[in-house]
Amino acid sequence: MGALFHQYRFGLFGIAMMALLLVSSFVIVGEDQQVVIERMGKPDRVVNRFNPNNADGAGIVIKLPLIEQAVWYPRGLLGFSHPSQKIRSSDQQWLLVDTDVTYRIIDPVKLSATLGAAAKLDEQLRSFLPPLLKQELSPRSTGAIARPGAGGAALLLTKALDAKTRQYGVQVIDVRVARVTLDESSLSAAYSQMRERQELAIDTVRQKSAEDAAAIIVSANAEAAAVLQQSAGRDPEFYAFFKAMDSYERHFGTPPAKDDKKPRPSIILPPDSGYLRHFGGN
């Protein structure tokens, strides 16, 4: 057996090489793939190129072994997220903007000639975003940027980025502002401003309450004085008694505090004083 193998070894090696070349002549292309067949390093033809009205290019494809090679590219939608781009809005707020980008490869031959592999595409698109975001978002207020569509900026971003990526055979489908937050310095300033406004509101309420209370007291005192004046005219004896009681309350009605060492007030009146008449029962 060994001698037989040794005798026909070159023939067996040739058969194996032919089988290997035959296998390498076939490429299976899926429906979600598009393939550029390159001949001697240059694009020759495209298999299953993206076409919204035709998806019949998938299947088994024949290529010349050793002379032609297949370069694979996605056929469906692709995308990436670009986080925390710092933007200064028109109302002087520093914002952190997260962006989602959706795109597809519509000309794999052009992409192959410019960037080569599809893996480099995300990095190239990311490099375009920062200046475009500043260009379209900086003229807008924080409120406009935070609204759906970023105040119309999302559509303009999509068009601007699409114009830049067409040189690579790429169509940008959508650029969406996914999240907008204040950066740390702006957030601290916003909290400080909120506290100042809250304190101002509290002071305003307190001042208004004090003014209202003072107005009520003045009105009540005036009304009480008017009632007393009317009572004095109708019953002078009761009015004199009321005044005496009010005077006594002001001088002796409130007991001193325990730690108050001041002497209590006292009054000295003659026995026939009209003031004492109200308390002596005479």
Protein backbone atom coordinates (compact mmCIF):
# COMPACT_ATOMS: atom_id res chain seq x y z
CA MET A 1 0.00 0.00 0.00
CA GLY A 2 2.83 2.32 0.88
CA ALA A 3 4.64 1.50 -2.30
CA LEU A 4 1.45 2.13 -4.32
CA PHE A 5 0.92 5.50 -2.66
CA HIS A 6 4.56 6.40 -3.30
CA GLN A 7 4.22 5.43 -6.94
CA TYR A 8 1.12 7.54 -7.58
CA ARG A 9 1.84 10.35 -5.12
CA PHE A 10 2.14 13.02 -7.78
CA GLY A 11 -1.15 12.02 -9.36
CA LEU A 12 -2.92 12.06 -6.02
CA PHE A 13 -1.44 15.46 -5.21
CA GLY A 14 -2.67 16.76 -8.57
CA ILE A 15 -6.16 15.43 -7.90
CA ALA A 16 -6.22 17.08 -4.49
CA MET A 17 -5.11 20.41 -5.96
CA MET A 18 -7.77 20.17 -8.65
CA ALA A 19 -10.43 19.46 -6.01
CA LEU A 20 -9.23 22.42 -3.94
CA LEU A 21 -9.30 24.71 -6.95
CA LEU A 22 -12.76 23.45 -7.86
CA VAL A 23 -14.08 24.14 -4.36
CA SER A 24 -12.55 27.63 -4.33
CA SER A 25 -14.30 28.40 -7.62
CA PHE A 26 -17.70 28.52 -5.92
CA VAL A 27 -18.98 31.25 -3.56
CA ILE A 28 -22.29 31.08 -1.69
CA VAL A 29 -23.87 34.52 -1.35
CA GLY A 30 -26.67 34.99 1.20
CA GLU A 31 -29.65 37.30 0.73
CA ASP A 32 -28.25 39.70 3.34
CA GLN A 33 -24.85 39.90 1.60
CA GLN A 34 -23.37 41.54 -1.45
CA VAL A 35 -20.02 40.50 -2.87
CA VAL A 36 -17.46 42.28 -4.98
CA ILE A 37 -15.50 39.88 -7.18
CA GLU A 38 -12.04 41.32 -7.66
CA ARG A 39 -9.78 40.15 -10.47
CA MET A 40 -6.10 40.68 -9.85
CA GLY A 41 -6.95 43.14 -7.05
CA LYS A 42 -9.39 45.26 -9.10
CA PRO A 43 -13.23 45.15 -8.89
CA ASP A 44 -14.68 43.15 -11.78
CA ARG A 45 -18.37 42.60 -10.89
CA VAL A 46 -20.85 42.75 -8.02
CA VAL A 47 -23.05 39.88 -6.87
CA ASN A 48 -26.40 40.67 -5.20
CA ARG A 49 -25.83 44.44 -5.26
CA PHE A 50 -28.35 46.36 -3.16
CA ASN A 51 -31.46 47.11 -5.16
CA PRO A 52 -34.74 47.83 -3.35
CA ASN A 53 -36.70 46.31 -6.26
CA ASN A 54 -34.57 43.19 -6.80
CA ALA A 55 -33.22 40.61 -4.33
CA ASP A 56 -32.54 37.73 -6.76
CA GLY A 57 -28.74 37.88 -6.80
CA ALA A 58 -28.15 35.54 -3.86
CA GLY A 59 -27.01 31.95 -4.42
CA ILE A 60 -23.97 30.09 -5.76
CA VAL A 61 -21.51 32.17 -7.77
CA ILE A 62 -18.59 30.92 -9.87
CA LYS A 63 -15.25 32.73 -9.85
CA LEU A 64 -11.83 31.96 -11.27
CA PRO A 65 -9.60 30.37 -8.64
CA LEU A 66 -6.38 32.14 -7.75
CA ILE A 67 -7.16 34.98 -10.18
CA GLU A 68 -10.38 36.23 -8.57
CA GLN A 69 -11.27 36.74 -4.93
CA ALA A 70 -14.54 37.66 -3.18
CA VAL A 71 -14.91 40.68 -0.84
CA TRP A 72 -18.03 40.54 1.35
CA TYR A 73 -20.22 43.48 2.37
CA PRO A 74 -23.53 43.67 4.28
CA ARG A 75 -26.59 44.30 2.14
CA GLY A 76 -29.05 45.42 4.85
CA LEU A 77 -29.25 48.39 7.18
CA LEU A 78 -26.25 49.16 9.38
CA GLY A 79 -25.81 51.60 12.22
CA PHE A 80 -23.82 52.84 15.17
CA SER A 81 -24.19 55.14 18.18
CA HIS A 82 -22.02 58.20 18.73
CA PRO A 83 -22.13 59.05 22.47
CA SER A 84 -21.57 62.25 24.45
CA GLN A 85 -20.61 64.84 21.87
CA LYS A 86 -20.19 68.17 23.70
CA ILE A 87 -22.21 70.99 22.13
CA ARG A 88 -22.80 74.59 23.26
CA SER A 89 -26.38 75.68 22.53
CA SER A 90 -27.52 79.15 21.53
CA ASP A 91 -28.66 79.81 25.13
CA GLN A 92 -25.09 79.16 26.32
CA GLN A 93 -25.69 75.70 27.81
CA TRP A 94 -23.08 72.95 27.43
CA LEU A 95 -24.87 69.78 26.32
CA LEU A 96 -23.86 66.14 25.92
CA VAL A 97 -25.56 64.80 22.80
CA ASP A 98 -25.87 61.08 21.93
CA THR A 99 -26.50 60.34 18.26
CA ASP A 100 -27.74 57.23 16.42
CA VAL A 101 -26.81 56.82 12.73
CA THR A 102 -28.43 54.37 10.30
CA TYR A 103 -26.94 53.73 6.84
CA ARG A 104 -26.52 51.15 4.08
CA ILE A 105 -23.92 50.30 1.46
CA ILE A 106 -25.36 51.02 -1.99
CA ASP A 107 -22.15 50.87 -4.04
CA PRO A 108 -19.75 48.22 -2.74
CA VAL A 109 -17.37 48.78 -5.67
CA LYS A 110 -16.83 52.40 -4.64
CA LEU A 111 -16.41 51.36 -1.00
CA SER A 112 -13.88 48.71 -2.01
CA ALA A 113 -11.90 51.24 -4.02
CA THR A 114 -11.85 53.91 -1.27
CA LEU A 115 -11.88 52.26 2.17
CA GLY A 116 -11.53 48.59 1.30
CA ALA A 117 -13.09 46.69 4.21
CA ALA A 118 -16.52 47.57 5.62
CA ALA A 119 -15.03 47.46 9.12
CA LYS A 120 -13.40 50.87 8.50
CA LEU A 121 -16.71 52.46 7.57
CA ASP A 122 -18.04 53.20 11.08
CA GLU A 123 -14.79 54.90 12.06
CA GLN A 124 -14.88 57.11 8.97
CA LEU A 125 -18.51 58.11 9.53
CA ARG A 126 -17.81 58.91 13.20
CA SER A 127 -15.10 61.36 12.14
CA PHE A 128 -17.66 63.33 10.11
CA LEU A 129 -20.17 63.74 12.95
CA PRO A 130 -18.59 66.23 15.45
CA PRO A 131 -18.27 69.22 13.07
CA LEU A 132 -21.73 68.53 11.60
CA LEU A 133 -23.32 68.37 15.07
CA LYS A 134 -21.75 71.69 16.06
CA GLN A 135 -22.81 73.23 12.75
CA GLU A 136 -26.47 72.21 13.02
CA LEU A 137 -27.10 72.16 16.80
CA SER A 138 -25.14 75.15 18.13
CA PRO A 139 -27.51 77.76 16.56
CA ARG A 140 -30.45 76.13 18.40
CA SER A 141 -31.63 76.47 21.99
CA THR A 142 -31.49 73.66 24.53
CA GLY A 143 -35.28 73.24 24.37
CA ALA A 144 -35.23 72.94 20.57
CA ILE A 145 -32.41 70.38 20.59
CA ALA A 146 -34.22 68.26 23.21
CA ARG A 147 -37.44 68.12 21.16
CA PRO A 148 -38.12 65.24 18.71
CA GLY A 149 -36.21 65.91 15.52
CA ALA A 150 -33.96 68.37 17.40
CA GLY A 151 -35.89 71.34 16.06
CA GLY A 152 -35.37 70.28 12.44
CA ALA A 153 -31.64 69.66 12.92
CA ALA A 154 -31.95 65.86 12.57
CA LEU A 155 -33.12 66.12 8.95
CA LEU A 156 -30.32 68.55 8.11
CA LEU A 157 -27.78 66.28 9.80
CA THR A 158 -29.00 63.33 7.74
CA LYS A 159 -28.65 65.25 4.48
CA ALA A 160 -25.22 66.69 5.39
CA LEU A 161 -23.78 63.33 6.47
CA ASP A 162 -25.28 61.57 3.44
CA ALA A 163 -23.58 64.08 1.13
CA LYS A 164 -20.20 63.25 2.70
CA THR A 165 -20.60 59.46 2.63
CA ARG A 166 -21.70 59.12 -1.00
CA GLN A 167 -18.00 59.21 -1.99
CA TYR A 168 -17.70 55.82 -0.27
CA GLY A 169 -20.82 54.34 -1.86
CA VAL A 170 -22.83 54.73 1.36
CA GLN A 171 -26.35 56.13 1.82
CA VAL A 172 -27.22 57.64 5.22
CA ILE A 173 -30.82 56.76 6.06
CA ASP A 174 -31.27 58.53 9.40
CA VAL A 175 -29.36 60.61 11.95
CA ARG A 176 -31.25 60.82 15.22
CA VAL A 177 -30.48 62.79 18.38
CA ALA A 178 -31.09 59.99 20.86
CA ARG A 179 -30.31 61.74 24.15
CA VAL A 180 -29.54 65.25 25.37
CA THR A 181 -28.19 65.99 28.86
CA LEU A 182 -26.50 68.93 30.53
CA ASP A 183 -22.83 68.48 31.25
CA GLU A 184 -21.66 68.65 34.88
CA SER A 185 -20.91 72.38 34.97
CA SER A 186 -24.18 73.36 33.29
CA LEU A 187 -26.11 70.96 35.52
CA SER A 188 -24.62 72.55 38.67
CA ALA A 189 -25.44 76.01 37.32
CA ALA A 190 -29.02 74.94 36.58
CA TYR A 191 -29.48 73.54 40.10
CA SER A 192 -28.04 76.75 41.58
CA GLN A 193 -30.40 78.85 39.49
CA MET A 194 -33.35 76.69 40.56
CA ARG A 195 -32.43 77.15 44.23
CA GLU A 196 -32.15 80.93 43.77
CA ARG A 197 -35.54 81.06 42.11
CA GLN A 198 -37.05 78.91 44.86
CA GLU A 199 -35.62 81.16 47.58
CA LEU A 200 -36.85 84.25 45.72
CA ALA A 201 -40.32 82.71 45.43
CA ILE A 202 -40.36 81.88 49.16
CA ASP A 203 -39.25 85.42 50.07
CA THR A 204 -41.92 86.87 47.80
CA VAL A 205 -44.61 84.70 49.38
CA ARG A 206 -43.45 85.62 52.88
CA GLN A 207 -43.40 89.32 52.07
CA LYS A 208 -46.84 89.15 50.51
CA SER A 209 -48.15 87.19 53.51
CA ALA A 210 -46.70 89.74 55.92
CA GLU A 211 -48.24 92.60 53.96
CA ASP A 212 -51.61 90.83 53.87
CA ALA A 213 -51.41 90.10 57.61
CA ALA A 214 -50.52 93.73 58.38
CA ALA A 215 -53.42 94.92 56.24
CA ILE A 216 -55.80 92.56 58.03
CA ILE A 217 -54.59 93.75 61.46
CA VAL A 218 -54.96 97.42 60.51
CA SER A 219 -58.42 96.74 59.14
CA ALA A 220 -59.41 94.78 62.27
CA ASN A 221 -58.07 97.48 64.58
CA ALA A 222 -59.91 100.15 62.65
CA GLU A 223 -63.10 98.13 62.78
CA ALA A 224 -62.64 97.48 66.50
CA ALA A 225 -62.01 101.18 67.15
CA ALA A 226 -65.13 102.06 65.22
CA VAL A 227 -67.17 99.56 67.25
CA LEU A 228 -65.74 100.97 70.49
CA GLN A 229 -66.57 104.49 69.45
CA GLN A 230 -70.12 103.45 68.74
CA SER A 231 -70.27 101.63 72.09
CA ALA A 232 -68.92 104.68 73.93
CA GLY A 233 -71.71 106.79 72.53
CA ARG A 234 -74.40 104.29 73.46
CA ASP A 235 -73.11 103.16 76.87
CA PRO A 236 -70.41 105.41 78.35
CA GLU A 237 -70.29 103.41 81.59
CA PHE A 238 -69.54 100.12 79.77
CA TYR A 239 -66.94 101.85 77.62
CA ALA A 240 -65.13 103.15 80.73
CA PHE A 241 -65.23 99.64 82.23
CA PHE A 242 -63.81 98.12 79.02
CA LYS A 243 -60.95 100.63 78.92
CA ALA A 244 -60.11 99.87 82.55
CA MET A 245 -60.08 96.13 81.88
CA ASP A 246 -57.90 96.60 78.81
CA SER A 247 -55.43 98.68 80.81
CA TYR A 248 -55.31 96.06 83.57
CA GLU A 249 -54.71 93.30 81.03
CA ARG A 250 -51.81 95.16 79.46
CA HIS A 251 -50.13 95.83 82.81
CA PHE A 252 -50.88 92.72 84.86
CA GLY A 253 -52.45 90.10 82.61
CA THR A 254 -49.29 88.35 81.33
CA PRO A 255 -47.17 86.72 84.08
CA PRO A 256 -43.41 87.20 83.80
CA ALA A 257 -41.20 84.34 82.61
CA LYS A 258 -39.41 82.23 85.22
CA ASP A 259 -36.01 83.56 84.22
CA ASP A 260 -37.26 87.15 84.05
CA LYS A 261 -35.84 88.96 87.10
CA LYS A 262 -37.43 92.30 86.30
CA PRO A 263 -39.91 93.50 88.97
CA ARG A 264 -43.58 93.37 88.04
CA PRO A 265 -45.16 96.75 87.40
CA SER A 266 -47.30 98.35 90.09
CA ILE A 267 -49.54 101.42 90.22
CA ILE A 268 -50.41 103.67 93.17
CA LEU A 269 -53.80 105.35 93.07
CA PRO A 270 -55.86 107.31 95.61
CA PRO A 271 -58.84 105.46 97.15
CA ASP A 272 -61.35 107.58 95.28
CA SER A 273 -59.81 106.84 91.88
CA GLY A 274 -62.33 106.11 89.17
CA TYR A 275 -60.05 103.32 87.91
CA LEU A 276 -60.39 101.39 91.20
CA ARG A 277 -64.11 101.90 91.23
CA HIS A 278 -64.50 99.30 88.47
CA PHE A 279 -62.66 96.63 90.54
CA GLY A 280 -63.89 97.49 94.03
CA GLY A 281 -67.50 96.83 93.35
CA ASN A 282 -68.49 100.45 94.22
